Amino acid sequence: MTFESGVADRVRVVKSYEALSQLTAEQIANLLKANPYGRLGLPTGNTPRRCYEILAEWSSQGRLNWSKAKCFALDDYLEVEERFSFQHYLESNLYRFTDLPLDARFNPRQVDNYDQLILDQGGLDFCLLGIGDNGHIAFNEPPTPQESWTHCVWLSEETKQANRKSFESDSTVPTRAITMGISTLLSSRSLVLIASGKNKRKALHRALTGPPDKDLPASFLTTHPNLLVIADFDW
């Protein structure tokens, strides 16, 4: 495989989803230990779920201190029942097991200017990202230009179909969302991109081997100087 310059040494291939989750949890734990005031951008979905279970266990055991940290949801649905919101996901899978203050749990649905809020809080130290089958990151659907900040978006048919299993019927699947933009994500001091399952191989391969392209939003991540990619499948 031919990677963009400087990317190859930032890719870690592990043998299983459990190993991916463990390594990802260690990245977050190490950040919190090194910088208790860390500002973290966090995703939702199936891929980070086990990572959050591990972090929740460590937090319940008193091994992690979140009391001075701040967490920012990367994105969320619009016009959705609260039980399906990403804020509810983060509360249920992670926040409630930690000592993260209630006023340190930010969400783009709840703020008029999310980018200004992030800036006012000192900027993001770390963002955890997944990748969609179509190469989206957060809810930056193709095509999304690099010069994008937090914005509302219509979800693609591919993304809606991928989300369908979480909802009771087609009519309840959200069609719109709000998301950090590419520039918001790239402004983070460090990025970790996780990819689980061979269905992500094509999108990840294209993102890491091709030039940055608005039709493949994940490809912009290769321009970041502090990117780590963790995948649980061979190339």
Protein backbone atom coordinates (compact mmCIF):
# COMPACT_ATOMS: atom_id res chain seq x y z
CA MET A 1 0.00 0.00 0.00
CA THR A 2 1.17 3.52 -0.77
CA PHE A 3 0.29 6.07 1.90
CA GLU A 4 0.39 9.82 1.74
CA SER A 5 3.74 11.05 3.07
CA GLY A 6 3.94 10.77 6.86
CA VAL A 7 0.75 8.70 7.28
CA ALA A 8 2.12 5.13 7.20
CA ASP A 9 3.85 5.37 10.58
CA ARG A 10 0.64 6.63 12.18
CA VAL A 11 -1.47 3.56 11.34
CA ARG A 12 -1.89 0.81 13.94
CA VAL A 13 -3.48 -2.46 12.81
CA VAL A 14 -4.70 -4.64 15.67
CA LYS A 15 -6.10 -8.16 15.62
CA SER A 16 -9.58 -7.63 17.01
CA TYR A 17 -12.29 -5.14 17.88
CA GLU A 18 -11.50 -5.72 21.55
CA ALA A 19 -7.86 -4.78 20.95
CA LEU A 20 -8.95 -1.69 19.03
CA SER A 21 -11.24 -0.66 21.88
CA GLN A 22 -8.57 -1.25 24.51
CA LEU A 23 -5.96 0.77 22.62
CA THR A 24 -8.41 3.59 22.02
CA ALA A 25 -9.41 3.69 25.68
CA GLU A 26 -5.74 3.84 26.62
CA GLN A 27 -5.26 6.86 24.36
CA ILE A 28 -8.03 8.73 26.19
CA ALA A 29 -6.92 7.59 29.64
CA ASN A 30 -3.34 8.65 28.97
CA LEU A 31 -4.50 12.07 27.82
CA LEU A 32 -6.58 12.61 30.97
CA LYS A 33 -3.68 11.53 33.17
CA ALA A 34 -1.23 13.81 31.37
CA ASN A 35 -3.68 16.70 31.15
CA PRO A 36 -6.56 16.62 33.67
CA TYR A 37 -7.97 19.73 31.97
CA GLY A 38 -8.21 17.96 28.60
CA ARG A 39 -10.86 19.04 26.11
CA LEU A 40 -12.15 15.98 24.24
CA GLY A 41 -14.30 15.69 21.12
CA LEU A 42 -16.28 12.45 21.29
CA PRO A 43 -18.29 10.46 18.72
CA THR A 44 -21.13 7.99 19.03
CA GLY A 45 -22.03 4.84 17.12
CA ASN A 46 -21.11 1.18 17.32
CA THR A 47 -17.35 1.49 16.90
CA PRO A 48 -16.57 3.47 20.09
CA ARG A 49 -19.14 1.63 22.24
CA ARG A 50 -16.73 -0.93 23.72
CA CYS A 51 -14.08 1.77 24.26
CA TYR A 52 -16.63 3.68 26.34
CA GLU A 53 -17.46 0.53 28.31
CA ILE A 54 -13.78 0.18 29.21
CA LEU A 55 -13.48 3.86 30.16
CA ALA A 56 -16.68 3.58 32.22
CA GLU A 57 -15.25 0.59 34.11
CA TRP A 58 -11.96 2.37 34.80
CA SER A 59 -13.83 5.49 35.90
CA SER A 60 -16.13 3.54 38.23
CA GLN A 61 -13.01 2.00 39.79
CA GLY A 62 -11.60 5.46 40.45
CA ARG A 63 -8.74 5.01 37.98
CA LEU A 64 -9.72 8.05 35.90
CA ASN A 65 -10.50 11.60 36.98
CA TRP A 66 -12.80 13.60 34.70
CA SER A 67 -13.60 16.37 37.18
CA LYS A 68 -11.58 19.04 35.37
CA ALA A 69 -12.10 17.79 31.80
CA LYS A 70 -14.61 19.02 29.24
CA CYS A 71 -16.26 16.86 26.58
CA PHE A 72 -17.80 17.96 23.29
CA ALA A 73 -20.10 15.76 21.21
CA LEU A 74 -18.93 15.82 17.59
CA ASP A 75 -22.46 15.90 16.23
CA ASP A 76 -26.10 15.09 16.88
CA TYR A 77 -29.39 14.51 15.13
CA LEU A 78 -31.92 17.28 14.69
CA GLU A 79 -35.66 16.78 15.18
CA VAL A 80 -35.29 13.49 17.04
CA GLU A 81 -36.66 12.04 20.26
CA GLU A 82 -34.21 12.62 23.10
CA ARG A 83 -33.73 8.89 23.66
CA PHE A 84 -32.24 8.67 20.16
CA SER A 85 -29.99 11.71 20.53
CA PHE A 86 -26.22 11.44 20.64
CA GLN A 87 -26.20 13.36 23.91
CA HIS A 88 -28.33 10.59 25.41
CA TYR A 89 -25.93 8.00 23.97
CA LEU A 90 -22.92 9.68 25.59
CA GLU A 91 -24.75 10.09 28.89
CA SER A 92 -25.84 6.44 28.90
CA ASN A 93 -22.59 4.86 27.72
CA LEU A 94 -19.96 7.07 29.35
CA TYR A 95 -20.77 10.27 31.21
CA ARG A 96 -22.93 8.77 33.96
CA PHE A 97 -20.08 6.48 35.03
CA THR A 98 -17.65 9.38 35.42
CA ASP A 99 -17.24 12.49 37.59
CA LEU A 100 -17.42 14.73 34.52
CA PRO A 101 -19.35 17.87 35.65
CA LEU A 102 -22.78 18.36 34.14
CA ASP A 103 -21.76 21.78 32.82
CA ALA A 104 -18.77 20.24 31.02
CA ARG A 105 -20.87 18.05 28.68
CA PHE A 106 -21.31 20.10 25.52
CA ASN A 107 -23.44 19.38 22.46
CA PRO A 108 -23.78 21.37 19.21
CA ARG A 109 -27.61 21.26 19.42
CA GLN A 110 -27.47 23.28 22.63
CA VAL A 111 -25.17 26.12 21.54
CA ASP A 112 -25.65 28.90 19.01
CA ASN A 113 -21.94 29.11 18.10
CA TYR A 114 -20.21 25.81 18.88
CA ASP A 115 -16.89 26.82 17.35
CA GLN A 116 -16.72 29.96 19.47
CA LEU A 117 -17.58 27.93 22.56
CA ILE A 118 -14.77 25.48 21.79
CA LEU A 119 -12.38 28.38 21.25
CA ASP A 120 -13.47 30.03 24.50
CA GLN A 121 -12.83 26.75 26.35
CA GLY A 122 -9.25 26.63 25.09
CA GLY A 123 -9.69 24.55 21.93
CA LEU A 124 -9.85 20.80 21.55
CA ASP A 125 -6.90 18.75 22.77
CA PHE A 126 -8.19 15.49 21.30
CA CYS A 127 -10.87 14.23 18.91
CA LEU A 128 -11.93 10.63 18.49
CA LEU A 129 -13.43 9.89 15.09
CA GLY A 130 -15.08 7.04 13.26
CA ILE A 131 -15.42 6.72 9.51
CA GLY A 132 -18.56 6.01 7.50
CA ASP A 133 -18.75 3.63 4.56
CA ASN A 134 -18.97 6.68 2.29
CA GLY A 135 -15.98 8.34 3.96
CA HIS A 136 -17.89 10.73 6.18
CA ILE A 137 -16.40 11.84 9.50
CA ALA A 138 -18.74 13.09 12.21
CA PHE A 139 -21.70 14.01 9.99
CA ASN A 140 -19.61 15.66 7.29
CA GLU A 141 -21.19 13.95 4.31
CA PRO A 142 -19.58 14.05 0.87
CA PRO A 143 -19.11 16.57 -0.53
CA THR A 144 -17.89 18.71 2.38
CA PRO A 145 -15.09 21.24 1.84
CA GLN A 146 -12.19 21.57 4.24
CA GLU A 147 -13.23 25.17 4.91
CA SER A 148 -16.27 24.11 6.94
CA TRP A 149 -17.08 24.77 10.57
CA THR A 150 -19.99 23.54 12.69
CA HIS A 151 -23.03 23.37 10.43
CA CYS A 152 -26.35 21.65 9.77
CA VAL A 153 -26.49 18.93 7.14
CA TRP A 154 -28.99 16.75 5.29
CA LEU A 155 -28.00 13.12 5.82
CA SER A 156 -27.23 11.01 2.76
CA GLU A 157 -29.38 8.02 1.85
CA GLU A 158 -26.41 5.77 2.60
CA THR A 159 -26.05 7.20 6.09
CA LYS A 160 -29.78 7.00 6.77
CA GLN A 161 -29.80 3.34 5.74
CA ALA A 162 -26.83 2.66 8.02
CA ASN A 163 -28.72 4.34 10.89
CA ARG A 164 -32.00 2.56 10.15
CA LYS A 165 -31.36 -0.34 12.55
CA SER A 166 -31.42 2.04 15.51
CA PHE A 167 -34.95 3.25 14.79
CA GLU A 168 -38.41 1.77 14.85
CA SER A 169 -39.38 2.61 11.27
CA ASP A 170 -38.19 4.45 8.19
CA SER A 171 -40.35 7.42 9.12
CA THR A 172 -38.49 7.93 12.42
CA VAL A 173 -34.97 7.89 10.94
CA PRO A 174 -33.58 11.44 11.22
CA THR A 175 -32.89 13.29 7.99
CA ARG A 176 -30.92 16.22 9.40
CA ALA A 177 -28.06 16.67 11.82
CA ILE A 178 -25.63 19.23 13.17
CA THR A 179 -21.92 18.49 13.10
CA MET A 180 -18.49 19.91 13.74
CA GLY A 181 -17.01 20.84 10.38
CA ILE A 182 -13.76 19.67 8.85
CA SER A 183 -11.94 22.80 10.01
CA THR A 184 -13.33 22.32 13.52
CA LEU A 185 -11.92 18.78 13.64
CA LEU A 186 -8.58 19.71 12.12
CA SER A 187 -8.17 22.43 14.74
CA SER A 188 -7.92 19.74 17.42
CA ARG A 189 -4.38 19.24 18.73
CA SER A 190 -4.58 15.48 18.17
CA LEU A 191 -6.87 13.11 16.27
CA VAL A 192 -7.55 9.38 16.58
CA LEU A 193 -9.49 7.73 13.77
CA ILE A 194 -10.88 4.26 14.51
CA ALA A 195 -12.17 1.83 11.88
CA SER A 196 -13.71 -1.55 12.68
CA GLY A 197 -15.00 -4.09 10.20
CA LYS A 198 -13.90 -4.86 6.68
CA ASN A 199 -16.79 -2.83 5.27
CA LYS A 200 -14.74 0.23 6.27
CA ARG A 201 -11.65 -0.93 4.36
CA LYS A 202 -12.45 0.73 1.03
CA ALA A 203 -13.26 4.13 2.52
CA LEU A 204 -10.24 4.09 4.82
CA HIS A 205 -7.91 2.95 2.04
CA ARG A 206 -9.09 5.77 -0.21
CA ALA A 207 -8.84 8.32 2.59
CA LEU A 208 -5.26 7.41 3.47
CA THR A 209 -3.85 6.86 -0.01
CA GLY A 210 -5.45 9.61 -2.07
CA PRO A 211 -5.20 13.38 -1.99
CA PRO A 212 -7.54 15.40 0.25
CA ASP A 213 -10.90 15.54 -1.48
CA LYS A 214 -14.25 17.07 -0.47
CA ASP A 215 -15.96 14.00 -1.93
CA LEU A 216 -14.20 11.89 0.71
CA PRO A 217 -14.19 14.02 3.88
CA ALA A 218 -12.02 11.58 5.86
CA SER A 219 -9.19 12.23 3.41
CA PHE A 220 -8.63 15.67 4.97
CA LEU A 221 -7.39 13.97 8.14
CA THR A 222 -4.11 13.06 6.43
CA THR A 223 -3.17 16.75 6.53
CA HIS A 224 -3.17 16.76 10.33
CA PRO A 225 0.29 16.57 11.95
CA ASN A 226 -0.87 14.49 14.92
CA LEU A 227 -3.11 11.75 13.53
CA LEU A 228 -3.30 8.15 14.77
CA VAL A 229 -5.36 5.58 12.83
CA ILE A 230 -6.42 2.35 14.55
CA ALA A 231 -8.02 -0.44 12.49
CA ASP A 232 -8.93 -4.04 13.31
CA PHE A 233 -8.49 -5.44 9.80
CA ASP A 234 -5.50 -6.11 7.59
CA TRP A 235 -4.72 -3.98 4.57
